[in-house]
Amino acid sequence: MKTQAMEIVMTMIQPISAASDRVMGALIAGLELEFGRGAAEALADRFIAAEECDFCWDARVEERWLGAYSADVEDDFELDRIAILGRLDGRWLVAVVIVDGDEMAHGMMGKRAFRSRKAARIAYDRLR
């Protein structure tokens, strides 16, 4: 008689928006260890600002195609304008992100932050 072993692979995928408070907490805690309590929050804000487009894109909970993006420069690839609704660092956000076919963010045309999901939803629904 042969015995077969069964392997169960478990994976947990969680968008950054669902874990943004925890991510920010870990970032600030790490920076506090390195640079002290007073500088940690300011440095965390700088980290986020430097990569704002990518953080916002990764924090999206909804997205909607708005149309093609035509840049003045001829590129070898096509870009799209995508409206996003997301949550980052405890705040709701709505933005228009320029994205390529591989879903890599290339820039952001605008971003607004909101205290409530309801206000963000209204702004998101109005984007054209």
Protein backbone atom coordinates (compact mmCIF):
# COMPACT_ATOMS: atom_id res chain seq x y z
CA MET A 1 0.00 0.00 0.00
CA LYS A 2 1.18 3.45 -0.83
CA THR A 3 0.62 6.45 1.35
CA GLN A 4 0.23 9.82 -0.27
CA ALA A 5 1.22 12.97 1.51
CA MET A 6 -1.00 15.97 1.02
CA GLU A 7 0.46 19.44 1.12
CA ILE A 8 -1.72 22.44 1.84
CA VAL A 9 -0.42 25.81 0.76
CA MET A 10 -1.99 28.78 2.49
CA THR A 11 -1.53 32.28 1.21
CA MET A 12 -2.85 35.52 2.58
CA ILE A 13 -3.03 38.49 0.23
CA GLN A 14 -3.95 41.82 1.72
CA PRO A 15 -4.03 45.18 -0.05
CA ILE A 16 -1.93 47.91 1.51
CA SER A 17 -5.14 49.84 2.21
CA ALA A 18 -6.29 47.15 4.62
CA ALA A 19 -2.97 47.19 6.43
CA SER A 20 -2.00 50.86 5.99
CA ASP A 21 -2.25 51.73 9.68
CA ARG A 22 -0.09 48.75 10.59
CA VAL A 23 2.43 49.56 7.83
CA MET A 24 2.68 53.18 8.98
CA GLY A 25 3.08 52.04 12.58
CA ALA A 26 5.92 49.70 11.63
CA LEU A 27 7.60 52.36 9.49
CA ILE A 28 7.43 54.92 12.30
CA ALA A 29 8.64 52.39 14.91
CA GLY A 30 11.65 51.49 12.76
CA LEU A 31 12.50 55.12 12.17
CA GLU A 32 12.18 55.86 15.92
CA LEU A 33 14.79 53.20 16.65
CA GLU A 34 17.19 54.69 14.14
CA PHE A 35 16.58 58.43 14.46
CA GLY A 36 14.63 59.01 17.68
CA ARG A 37 11.01 59.69 18.47
CA GLY A 38 10.91 63.33 17.36
CA ALA A 39 12.09 62.69 13.82
CA ALA A 40 10.23 59.46 13.05
CA GLU A 41 6.85 60.85 11.96
CA ALA A 42 8.38 63.59 9.83
CA LEU A 43 10.68 61.08 8.14
CA ALA A 44 7.77 58.67 7.54
CA ASP A 45 5.86 61.48 5.84
CA ARG A 46 8.89 62.13 3.61
CA PHE A 47 9.12 58.45 2.68
CA ILE A 48 5.45 58.47 1.67
CA ALA A 49 5.75 61.77 -0.22
CA ALA A 50 8.78 60.54 -2.19
CA GLU A 51 6.86 57.52 -3.47
CA GLU A 52 3.34 58.96 -3.23
CA CYS A 53 2.14 57.71 -6.61
CA ASP A 54 3.15 54.11 -5.91
CA PHE A 55 1.76 54.15 -2.36
CA CYS A 56 -1.59 55.54 -3.57
CA TRP A 57 -1.78 53.03 -6.43
CA ASP A 58 -1.06 50.13 -4.06
CA ALA A 59 -3.58 51.45 -1.52
CA ARG A 60 -6.51 51.39 -3.96
CA VAL A 61 -9.62 49.43 -3.10
CA GLU A 62 -11.42 50.36 -6.32
CA GLU A 63 -10.33 51.47 -9.76
CA ARG A 64 -12.07 52.62 -12.92
CA TRP A 65 -10.66 53.23 -16.41
CA LEU A 66 -11.14 56.84 -17.51
CA GLY A 67 -9.50 56.67 -20.91
CA ALA A 68 -6.20 56.67 -22.72
CA TYR A 69 -3.50 59.10 -21.63
CA SER A 70 -1.78 60.94 -24.44
CA ALA A 71 1.57 62.38 -23.53
CA ASP A 72 3.37 64.97 -25.64
CA VAL A 73 6.32 62.63 -25.96
CA GLU A 74 5.99 59.58 -28.20
CA ASP A 75 6.46 56.47 -26.07
CA ASP A 76 6.77 52.85 -27.12
CA PHE A 77 3.88 51.90 -24.86
CA GLU A 78 0.35 53.07 -24.19
CA LEU A 79 -0.74 54.65 -20.93
CA ASP A 80 -4.19 54.88 -19.36
CA ARG A 81 -5.86 57.23 -16.91
CA ILE A 82 -7.29 55.26 -13.99
CA ALA A 83 -9.48 56.69 -11.22
CA ILE A 84 -8.75 55.12 -7.85
CA LEU A 85 -10.46 55.09 -4.47
CA GLY A 86 -8.24 53.97 -1.62
CA ARG A 87 -7.21 54.27 1.99
CA LEU A 88 -3.73 55.16 3.19
CA ASP A 89 -2.53 56.17 6.65
CA GLY A 90 -6.05 56.35 8.04
CA ARG A 91 -7.37 58.65 5.31
CA TRP A 92 -9.50 57.96 2.25
CA LEU A 93 -8.12 59.17 -1.05
CA VAL A 94 -9.31 59.68 -4.60
CA ALA A 95 -6.81 60.15 -7.41
CA VAL A 96 -6.20 59.81 -11.13
CA VAL A 97 -3.14 57.67 -11.81
CA ILE A 98 -1.32 57.18 -15.13
CA VAL A 99 -0.78 53.43 -15.56
CA ASP A 100 0.79 51.23 -18.24
CA GLY A 101 -0.49 47.90 -19.54
CA ASP A 102 1.41 46.01 -16.83
CA GLU A 103 -0.42 47.99 -14.13
CA MET A 104 2.69 49.94 -13.19
CA ALA A 105 1.98 53.50 -12.05
CA HIS A 106 3.88 56.20 -13.97
CA GLY A 107 2.43 59.33 -12.40
CA MET A 108 -0.49 60.91 -10.67
CA MET A 109 -2.59 63.72 -12.12
CA GLY A 110 -4.25 64.68 -8.85
CA LYS A 111 -5.14 63.40 -5.42
CA ARG A 112 -7.66 64.45 -2.79
CA ALA A 113 -7.87 63.16 0.77
CA PHE A 114 -11.09 62.66 2.73
CA ARG A 115 -12.02 61.87 6.33
CA SER A 116 -14.88 59.56 5.38
CA ARG A 117 -15.40 56.84 2.82
CA LYS A 118 -18.74 58.42 1.89
CA ALA A 119 -17.16 61.75 0.88
CA ALA A 120 -14.41 59.93 -1.02
CA ARG A 121 -17.01 57.77 -2.81
CA ILE A 122 -18.90 60.88 -3.99
CA ALA A 123 -15.69 62.40 -5.39
CA TYR A 124 -14.69 59.08 -7.00
CA ASP A 125 -18.08 58.73 -8.69
CA ARG A 126 -17.76 62.26 -10.14
CA LEU A 127 -14.37 61.66 -11.79
CA ARG A 128 -14.53 61.53 -15.56
